[in-house]
N, C-alpha and C. Protein backbone atom coordinates (compact mmCIF):
# COMPACT_ATOMS: atom_id res chain seq x y z
N MET A 1 22.45 41.32 -20.99
CA MET A 1 22.52 42.67 -21.47
C MET A 1 21.15 43.14 -21.97
N TRP A 2 20.42 42.24 -22.57
CA TRP A 2 19.11 42.61 -23.11
C TRP A 2 18.12 42.91 -22.00
N ILE A 3 18.30 42.23 -20.84
CA ILE A 3 17.35 42.44 -19.74
C ILE A 3 17.51 43.84 -19.15
N VAL A 4 18.71 44.36 -19.16
CA VAL A 4 18.94 45.73 -18.68
C VAL A 4 18.29 46.73 -19.63
N ARG A 5 18.40 46.49 -20.91
CA ARG A 5 17.81 47.38 -21.91
C ARG A 5 16.28 47.39 -21.77
N VAL A 6 15.66 46.22 -21.56
CA VAL A 6 14.20 46.15 -21.37
C VAL A 6 13.80 46.88 -20.10
N ALA A 7 14.58 46.72 -19.02
CA ALA A 7 14.26 47.38 -17.75
C ALA A 7 14.35 48.89 -17.88
N LEU A 8 15.31 49.38 -18.64
CA LEU A 8 15.44 50.82 -18.81
C LEU A 8 14.39 51.38 -19.77
N ASP A 9 14.03 50.63 -20.80
CA ASP A 9 13.05 51.11 -21.76
C ASP A 9 11.62 51.03 -21.22
N ARG A 10 11.30 50.00 -20.42
CA ARG A 10 9.94 49.81 -19.92
C ARG A 10 9.98 49.58 -18.40
N PRO A 11 10.13 50.61 -17.61
CA PRO A 11 10.24 50.44 -16.15
C PRO A 11 8.95 49.95 -15.51
N TYR A 12 7.78 50.26 -16.08
CA TYR A 12 6.51 49.82 -15.49
C TYR A 12 6.36 48.29 -15.57
N ILE A 13 6.84 47.69 -16.63
CA ILE A 13 6.78 46.22 -16.76
C ILE A 13 7.63 45.57 -15.67
N VAL A 14 8.79 46.13 -15.39
CA VAL A 14 9.67 45.58 -14.35
C VAL A 14 9.01 45.71 -12.98
N VAL A 15 8.36 46.85 -12.71
CA VAL A 15 7.69 47.04 -11.43
C VAL A 15 6.52 46.06 -11.29
N VAL A 16 5.74 45.88 -12.34
CA VAL A 16 4.61 44.95 -12.31
C VAL A 16 5.10 43.52 -12.10
N LEU A 17 6.15 43.11 -12.78
CA LEU A 17 6.71 41.77 -12.58
C LEU A 17 7.24 41.58 -11.17
N ALA A 18 7.89 42.60 -10.61
CA ALA A 18 8.40 42.51 -9.23
C ALA A 18 7.24 42.38 -8.25
N LEU A 19 6.16 43.15 -8.44
CA LEU A 19 4.99 43.04 -7.56
C LEU A 19 4.30 41.68 -7.71
N LEU A 20 4.24 41.18 -8.93
CA LEU A 20 3.65 39.86 -9.16
C LEU A 20 4.45 38.78 -8.43
N ILE A 21 5.75 38.85 -8.50
CA ILE A 21 6.60 37.88 -7.77
C ILE A 21 6.40 38.03 -6.28
N LEU A 22 6.32 39.25 -5.79
CA LEU A 22 6.14 39.51 -4.36
C LEU A 22 4.79 38.97 -3.87
N LEU A 23 3.74 39.14 -4.65
CA LEU A 23 2.42 38.68 -4.24
C LEU A 23 2.24 37.17 -4.38
N MET A 24 2.86 36.55 -5.35
CA MET A 24 2.70 35.12 -5.58
C MET A 24 3.60 34.27 -4.67
N SER A 25 4.64 34.84 -4.13
CA SER A 25 5.58 34.07 -3.30
C SER A 25 4.91 33.40 -2.10
N PRO A 26 4.11 34.11 -1.28
CA PRO A 26 3.48 33.41 -0.14
C PRO A 26 2.56 32.27 -0.56
N VAL A 27 1.84 32.46 -1.67
CA VAL A 27 0.95 31.40 -2.14
C VAL A 27 1.76 30.16 -2.53
N VAL A 28 2.82 30.36 -3.26
CA VAL A 28 3.66 29.24 -3.69
C VAL A 28 4.33 28.58 -2.50
N ILE A 29 4.83 29.37 -1.56
CA ILE A 29 5.50 28.81 -0.37
C ILE A 29 4.54 27.98 0.46
N LEU A 30 3.31 28.45 0.64
CA LEU A 30 2.34 27.70 1.45
C LEU A 30 1.85 26.43 0.76
N ARG A 31 1.82 26.42 -0.56
CA ARG A 31 1.33 25.24 -1.27
C ARG A 31 2.40 24.20 -1.51
N THR A 32 3.67 24.54 -1.30
CA THR A 32 4.76 23.60 -1.54
C THR A 32 4.99 22.77 -0.28
N PRO A 33 4.81 21.46 -0.37
CA PRO A 33 5.06 20.63 0.82
C PRO A 33 6.56 20.47 1.04
N THR A 34 6.96 20.62 2.27
CA THR A 34 8.37 20.43 2.62
C THR A 34 8.46 19.54 3.85
N ASP A 35 9.48 18.73 3.86
CA ASP A 35 9.74 17.86 4.99
C ASP A 35 11.23 17.60 5.03
N ILE A 36 11.83 17.84 6.16
CA ILE A 36 13.27 17.64 6.27
C ILE A 36 13.59 16.15 6.19
N PHE A 37 12.82 15.34 6.90
CA PHE A 37 13.00 13.89 6.89
C PHE A 37 11.72 13.25 6.39
N PRO A 38 11.57 13.06 5.10
CA PRO A 38 10.32 12.50 4.57
C PRO A 38 10.14 11.04 4.99
N ASN A 39 8.91 10.62 5.01
CA ASN A 39 8.58 9.24 5.36
C ASN A 39 8.81 8.35 4.14
N ILE A 40 9.77 7.46 4.25
CA ILE A 40 10.08 6.52 3.18
C ILE A 40 9.57 5.16 3.63
N ASN A 41 8.58 4.65 2.93
CA ASN A 41 7.93 3.42 3.36
C ASN A 41 8.55 2.20 2.68
N ILE A 42 9.75 1.82 3.12
CA ILE A 42 10.39 0.59 2.66
C ILE A 42 10.67 -0.24 3.92
N PRO A 43 9.79 -1.17 4.25
CA PRO A 43 9.98 -1.94 5.47
C PRO A 43 11.15 -2.92 5.34
N VAL A 44 11.93 -3.02 6.40
CA VAL A 44 13.10 -3.89 6.43
C VAL A 44 13.08 -4.67 7.73
N ILE A 45 13.43 -5.95 7.64
CA ILE A 45 13.61 -6.79 8.83
C ILE A 45 15.06 -7.24 8.84
N ALA A 46 15.73 -7.02 9.94
CA ALA A 46 17.12 -7.46 10.09
C ALA A 46 17.15 -8.62 11.07
N VAL A 47 17.86 -9.67 10.70
CA VAL A 47 17.98 -10.85 11.54
C VAL A 47 19.47 -11.06 11.82
N ALA A 48 19.83 -11.06 13.09
CA ALA A 48 21.24 -11.21 13.48
C ALA A 48 21.43 -12.58 14.14
N TRP A 49 22.26 -13.41 13.51
CA TRP A 49 22.57 -14.75 14.02
C TRP A 49 23.95 -14.71 14.65
N GLN A 50 24.16 -15.51 15.70
CA GLN A 50 25.47 -15.64 16.33
C GLN A 50 25.83 -17.12 16.44
N TYR A 51 27.05 -17.42 16.03
CA TYR A 51 27.59 -18.76 16.21
C TYR A 51 29.10 -18.60 16.29
N THR A 52 29.62 -18.65 17.48
CA THR A 52 31.05 -18.42 17.67
C THR A 52 31.85 -19.64 17.25
N GLY A 53 33.04 -19.37 16.77
CA GLY A 53 33.95 -20.45 16.43
C GLY A 53 34.06 -20.74 14.95
N LEU A 54 33.28 -20.10 14.11
CA LEU A 54 33.36 -20.34 12.68
C LEU A 54 33.88 -19.10 11.97
N ASN A 55 34.71 -19.32 10.95
CA ASN A 55 35.14 -18.19 10.15
C ASN A 55 34.00 -17.80 9.21
N PRO A 56 34.09 -16.63 8.56
CA PRO A 56 32.96 -16.15 7.75
C PRO A 56 32.55 -17.08 6.61
N GLU A 57 33.52 -17.74 5.97
CA GLU A 57 33.17 -18.62 4.85
C GLU A 57 32.35 -19.82 5.32
N GLU A 58 32.76 -20.44 6.43
CA GLU A 58 32.02 -21.59 6.95
C GLU A 58 30.65 -21.18 7.46
N LEU A 59 30.58 -20.02 8.12
CA LEU A 59 29.31 -19.55 8.65
C LEU A 59 28.35 -19.22 7.51
N GLU A 60 28.88 -18.68 6.43
CA GLU A 60 28.04 -18.38 5.28
C GLU A 60 27.49 -19.66 4.65
N GLY A 61 28.34 -20.67 4.54
CA GLY A 61 27.90 -21.93 3.94
C GLY A 61 26.93 -22.70 4.80
N ARG A 62 27.13 -22.70 6.12
CA ARG A 62 26.28 -23.49 7.01
C ARG A 62 25.03 -22.77 7.47
N LEU A 63 25.06 -21.45 7.54
CA LEU A 63 23.93 -20.74 8.13
C LEU A 63 23.31 -19.73 7.16
N THR A 64 24.12 -18.78 6.70
CA THR A 64 23.57 -17.64 5.95
C THR A 64 22.90 -18.06 4.65
N SER A 65 23.58 -18.84 3.82
CA SER A 65 22.99 -19.20 2.52
C SER A 65 21.77 -20.10 2.70
N VAL A 66 21.79 -21.00 3.67
CA VAL A 66 20.64 -21.87 3.93
C VAL A 66 19.44 -21.03 4.38
N TYR A 67 19.70 -20.08 5.27
CA TYR A 67 18.64 -19.22 5.79
C TYR A 67 18.06 -18.33 4.68
N GLU A 68 18.92 -17.78 3.83
CA GLU A 68 18.44 -16.95 2.73
C GLU A 68 17.56 -17.75 1.77
N ARG A 69 17.97 -18.98 1.48
CA ARG A 69 17.19 -19.82 0.58
C ARG A 69 15.80 -20.09 1.13
N ILE A 70 15.72 -20.37 2.42
CA ILE A 70 14.42 -20.65 3.04
C ILE A 70 13.57 -19.39 3.09
N LEU A 71 14.20 -18.22 3.33
CA LEU A 71 13.43 -16.98 3.40
C LEU A 71 12.73 -16.67 2.07
N THR A 72 13.41 -16.95 0.97
CA THR A 72 12.82 -16.62 -0.33
C THR A 72 11.57 -17.43 -0.62
N THR A 73 11.40 -18.58 0.00
CA THR A 73 10.22 -19.40 -0.27
C THR A 73 9.13 -19.26 0.78
N THR A 74 9.44 -18.69 1.94
CA THR A 74 8.46 -18.67 3.02
C THR A 74 7.94 -17.28 3.40
N VAL A 75 8.66 -16.23 3.07
CA VAL A 75 8.25 -14.88 3.47
C VAL A 75 7.62 -14.18 2.26
N ASP A 76 6.47 -13.56 2.47
CA ASP A 76 5.76 -12.87 1.39
C ASP A 76 6.34 -11.49 1.15
N ASN A 77 6.19 -11.01 -0.08
CA ASN A 77 6.54 -9.64 -0.48
C ASN A 77 8.00 -9.27 -0.26
N VAL A 78 8.91 -10.20 -0.49
CA VAL A 78 10.34 -9.90 -0.36
C VAL A 78 10.81 -9.24 -1.65
N GLU A 79 11.41 -8.05 -1.51
CA GLU A 79 11.97 -7.38 -2.67
C GLU A 79 13.37 -7.91 -2.96
N HIS A 80 14.24 -7.86 -1.95
CA HIS A 80 15.56 -8.47 -2.05
C HIS A 80 16.12 -8.71 -0.66
N ILE A 81 17.17 -9.53 -0.61
CA ILE A 81 17.80 -9.90 0.66
C ILE A 81 19.28 -9.57 0.56
N GLU A 82 19.81 -8.95 1.62
CA GLU A 82 21.23 -8.67 1.73
C GLU A 82 21.75 -9.33 2.99
N SER A 83 22.98 -9.83 2.94
CA SER A 83 23.54 -10.45 4.14
C SER A 83 25.01 -10.07 4.28
N THR A 84 25.44 -10.02 5.52
CA THR A 84 26.83 -9.76 5.86
C THR A 84 27.25 -10.82 6.86
N THR A 85 28.35 -11.48 6.59
CA THR A 85 28.84 -12.52 7.49
C THR A 85 30.25 -12.16 7.93
N VAL A 86 30.46 -12.11 9.23
CA VAL A 86 31.79 -11.87 9.80
C VAL A 86 32.05 -12.98 10.81
N ASN A 87 33.18 -12.92 11.48
CA ASN A 87 33.53 -13.98 12.44
C ASN A 87 32.45 -14.13 13.50
N GLY A 88 31.76 -15.23 13.47
CA GLY A 88 30.79 -15.56 14.51
C GLY A 88 29.46 -14.86 14.40
N GLU A 89 29.25 -14.00 13.42
CA GLU A 89 27.99 -13.28 13.30
C GLU A 89 27.54 -13.21 11.84
N ALA A 90 26.25 -13.34 11.65
CA ALA A 90 25.67 -13.18 10.32
C ALA A 90 24.45 -12.27 10.45
N ILE A 91 24.41 -11.23 9.63
CA ILE A 91 23.29 -10.30 9.65
C ILE A 91 22.61 -10.37 8.29
N VAL A 92 21.33 -10.72 8.31
CA VAL A 92 20.54 -10.85 7.08
C VAL A 92 19.49 -9.75 7.11
N LYS A 93 19.47 -8.92 6.06
CA LYS A 93 18.48 -7.85 5.94
C LYS A 93 17.48 -8.25 4.86
N ILE A 94 16.21 -8.26 5.23
CA ILE A 94 15.14 -8.64 4.32
C ILE A 94 14.39 -7.36 3.96
N PHE A 95 14.53 -6.91 2.73
CA PHE A 95 13.85 -5.72 2.24
C PHE A 95 12.53 -6.16 1.63
N LEU A 96 11.44 -5.59 2.13
CA LEU A 96 10.11 -5.95 1.65
C LEU A 96 9.63 -4.94 0.61
N GLN A 97 8.60 -5.31 -0.11
CA GLN A 97 7.99 -4.41 -1.07
C GLN A 97 7.40 -3.21 -0.33
N PRO A 98 7.39 -2.02 -0.97
CA PRO A 98 6.75 -0.87 -0.31
C PRO A 98 5.30 -1.20 0.05
N ASN A 99 4.90 -0.71 1.19
CA ASN A 99 3.54 -0.91 1.73
C ASN A 99 3.21 -2.36 2.03
N ALA A 100 4.21 -3.22 2.18
CA ALA A 100 3.96 -4.60 2.61
C ALA A 100 3.69 -4.60 4.12
N SER A 101 2.98 -5.59 4.58
CA SER A 101 2.67 -5.69 6.00
C SER A 101 3.90 -6.16 6.76
N LEU A 102 4.43 -5.28 7.59
CA LEU A 102 5.62 -5.60 8.37
C LEU A 102 5.30 -6.63 9.45
N ASP A 103 4.08 -6.57 10.00
CA ASP A 103 3.70 -7.52 11.04
C ASP A 103 3.61 -8.95 10.50
N THR A 104 3.04 -9.10 9.32
CA THR A 104 2.94 -10.43 8.72
C THR A 104 4.32 -10.98 8.40
N ALA A 105 5.15 -10.15 7.79
CA ALA A 105 6.51 -10.59 7.45
C ALA A 105 7.31 -10.91 8.71
N ASN A 106 7.13 -10.12 9.76
CA ASN A 106 7.84 -10.38 11.01
C ASN A 106 7.41 -11.73 11.60
N ALA A 107 6.13 -12.03 11.55
CA ALA A 107 5.65 -13.32 12.05
C ALA A 107 6.22 -14.47 11.23
N GLN A 108 6.28 -14.28 9.91
CA GLN A 108 6.83 -15.34 9.06
C GLN A 108 8.33 -15.53 9.30
N VAL A 109 9.06 -14.44 9.44
CA VAL A 109 10.50 -14.53 9.68
C VAL A 109 10.77 -15.17 11.04
N THR A 110 10.00 -14.79 12.05
CA THR A 110 10.18 -15.39 13.38
C THR A 110 9.88 -16.88 13.35
N ALA A 111 8.82 -17.26 12.67
CA ALA A 111 8.45 -18.68 12.61
C ALA A 111 9.51 -19.50 11.88
N ILE A 112 9.98 -19.01 10.75
CA ILE A 112 10.97 -19.78 9.99
C ILE A 112 12.31 -19.79 10.70
N SER A 113 12.62 -18.72 11.45
CA SER A 113 13.88 -18.69 12.20
C SER A 113 13.88 -19.73 13.32
N GLN A 114 12.75 -19.87 13.99
CA GLN A 114 12.65 -20.88 15.04
C GLN A 114 12.64 -22.29 14.46
N THR A 115 12.05 -22.46 13.28
CA THR A 115 11.99 -23.77 12.65
C THR A 115 13.37 -24.21 12.16
N ILE A 116 14.09 -23.30 11.53
CA ILE A 116 15.39 -23.66 10.97
C ILE A 116 16.46 -23.81 12.05
N LEU A 117 16.20 -23.30 13.23
CA LEU A 117 17.18 -23.37 14.32
C LEU A 117 17.55 -24.81 14.64
N ARG A 118 16.61 -25.74 14.47
CA ARG A 118 16.88 -27.16 14.73
C ARG A 118 17.79 -27.77 13.67
N GLN A 119 17.80 -27.19 12.46
CA GLN A 119 18.59 -27.74 11.37
C GLN A 119 19.99 -27.14 11.30
N LEU A 120 20.23 -26.07 12.04
CA LEU A 120 21.53 -25.39 12.01
C LEU A 120 22.51 -26.12 12.93
N PRO A 121 23.80 -25.79 12.84
CA PRO A 121 24.79 -26.47 13.70
C PRO A 121 24.43 -26.33 15.17
N PRO A 122 24.74 -27.36 15.97
CA PRO A 122 24.42 -27.30 17.41
C PRO A 122 25.14 -26.12 18.06
N GLY A 123 24.45 -25.45 18.95
CA GLY A 123 25.03 -24.30 19.64
C GLY A 123 24.69 -22.97 19.00
N THR A 124 23.94 -23.01 17.90
CA THR A 124 23.53 -21.76 17.26
C THR A 124 22.49 -21.09 18.14
N LEU A 125 22.73 -19.82 18.46
CA LEU A 125 21.81 -19.08 19.31
C LEU A 125 20.61 -18.60 18.50
N PRO A 126 19.43 -18.47 19.13
CA PRO A 126 18.28 -17.91 18.41
C PRO A 126 18.61 -16.50 17.93
N PRO A 127 18.06 -16.12 16.79
CA PRO A 127 18.44 -14.82 16.22
C PRO A 127 17.75 -13.65 16.91
N LEU A 128 18.37 -12.49 16.75
CA LEU A 128 17.77 -11.23 17.16
C LEU A 128 17.09 -10.65 15.93
N ILE A 129 15.80 -10.39 16.01
CA ILE A 129 15.03 -9.91 14.86
C ILE A 129 14.61 -8.47 15.13
N ILE A 130 14.98 -7.57 14.22
CA ILE A 130 14.71 -6.14 14.40
C ILE A 130 13.94 -5.64 13.19
N ASN A 131 12.85 -4.91 13.43
CA ASN A 131 12.08 -4.29 12.36
C ASN A 131 12.46 -2.82 12.27
N TYR A 132 12.65 -2.35 11.06
CA TYR A 132 12.84 -0.91 10.88
C TYR A 132 12.52 -0.54 9.44
N GLY A 133 12.24 0.73 9.25
CA GLY A 133 12.00 1.27 7.92
C GLY A 133 13.15 2.19 7.55
N ALA A 134 13.18 2.59 6.30
CA ALA A 134 14.27 3.45 5.85
C ALA A 134 14.23 4.81 6.53
N SER A 135 13.06 5.28 6.93
CA SER A 135 12.98 6.60 7.56
C SER A 135 13.21 6.53 9.07
N SER A 136 13.28 5.33 9.65
CA SER A 136 13.50 5.24 11.09
C SER A 136 14.96 4.97 11.45
N VAL A 137 15.82 4.86 10.46
CA VAL A 137 17.23 4.60 10.72
C VAL A 137 17.89 5.90 11.15
N PRO A 138 18.74 5.87 12.18
CA PRO A 138 19.43 7.10 12.59
C PRO A 138 20.27 7.66 11.45
N LYS A 139 20.35 8.98 11.40
CA LYS A 139 21.10 9.63 10.32
C LYS A 139 22.60 9.49 10.52
N THR A 140 23.05 9.53 11.75
CA THR A 140 24.46 9.32 12.04
C THR A 140 24.57 8.37 13.22
N THR A 141 25.55 7.51 13.17
CA THR A 141 25.78 6.58 14.26
C THR A 141 27.25 6.60 14.61
N GLY A 142 27.54 6.27 15.84
CA GLY A 142 28.93 6.21 16.26
C GLY A 142 29.14 4.98 17.12
N LYS A 143 30.33 4.41 17.04
CA LYS A 143 30.63 3.22 17.82
C LYS A 143 32.11 3.18 18.09
N PHE A 144 32.45 2.81 19.29
CA PHE A 144 33.85 2.60 19.58
C PHE A 144 33.96 1.41 20.52
N ARG A 145 35.10 0.79 20.52
CA ARG A 145 35.30 -0.39 21.33
C ARG A 145 36.55 -0.18 22.18
N LEU A 146 36.42 -0.49 23.46
CA LEU A 146 37.56 -0.39 24.35
C LEU A 146 38.31 -1.72 24.33
N LYS A 147 39.61 -1.66 24.05
CA LYS A 147 40.40 -2.87 23.79
C LYS A 147 40.69 -3.68 25.06
N SER A 148 41.06 -3.03 26.11
CA SER A 148 41.50 -3.80 27.28
C SER A 148 40.72 -3.40 28.52
N VAL A 149 40.84 -4.21 29.55
CA VAL A 149 40.18 -3.93 30.82
C VAL A 149 40.76 -2.66 31.44
N ARG A 150 42.06 -2.48 31.30
CA ARG A 150 42.71 -1.29 31.85
C ARG A 150 42.13 -0.02 31.19
N THR A 151 41.94 -0.05 29.89
CA THR A 151 41.38 1.09 29.18
C THR A 151 39.95 1.33 29.63
N GLN A 152 39.19 0.26 29.87
CA GLN A 152 37.82 0.41 30.32
C GLN A 152 37.76 1.09 31.68
N PHE A 153 38.65 0.66 32.61
CA PHE A 153 38.67 1.29 33.92
C PHE A 153 39.12 2.74 33.81
N ARG A 154 40.08 3.03 32.95
CA ARG A 154 40.55 4.40 32.77
C ARG A 154 39.42 5.26 32.21
N TYR A 155 38.67 4.74 31.25
CA TYR A 155 37.54 5.48 30.69
C TYR A 155 36.49 5.72 31.76
N ARG A 156 36.21 4.72 32.58
CA ARG A 156 35.23 4.87 33.65
C ARG A 156 35.68 5.93 34.65
N ASP A 157 36.97 5.95 34.97
CA ASP A 157 37.49 6.98 35.89
C ASP A 157 37.36 8.37 35.30
N LEU A 158 37.69 8.51 34.01
CA LEU A 158 37.60 9.81 33.36
C LEU A 158 36.15 10.27 33.26
N ARG A 159 35.27 9.34 33.00
CA ARG A 159 33.86 9.69 32.87
C ARG A 159 33.30 10.12 34.24
N GLY A 160 33.76 9.50 35.31
CA GLY A 160 33.26 9.82 36.65
C GLY A 160 33.75 11.17 37.17
N ARG A 161 34.84 11.70 36.63
CA ARG A 161 35.41 12.96 37.11
C ARG A 161 34.69 14.19 36.57
N HIS A 162 33.90 14.04 35.53
CA HIS A 162 33.26 15.23 34.93
C HIS A 162 32.19 15.76 35.79
């Protein structure tokens, strides 16, 4: 209510303030940095292990926890490690310190993965090692699985008709 009274009592002040806002807006807009997807420099290495035939608890005890323990002593600049173990697969994510050398850490992870492969249960496949940063991860992902061969052929037929 007071702002209306000031505007009515002193109209020149309101006009000057409006012109000041109008003139300063382009300067402020040009000086303000904007980025829809900013660069977040948190390097991450994901290591995917496969060993079919083990339930998650056994796979975690025989592979995941042993691998995590070795990673903490051999890889430089580790911030924290996260792992997920499901039937026959273990995914270990190694989060590095910001601005850490991803190439050095990748070389260390690859070397220790090949070294520990001899100590893991027989039949363990070499891991898939993927480098990515927080800003390179897709914003949305989708996945579906076709249950049967009949459904796969039906999907292929439907896809071919378009």
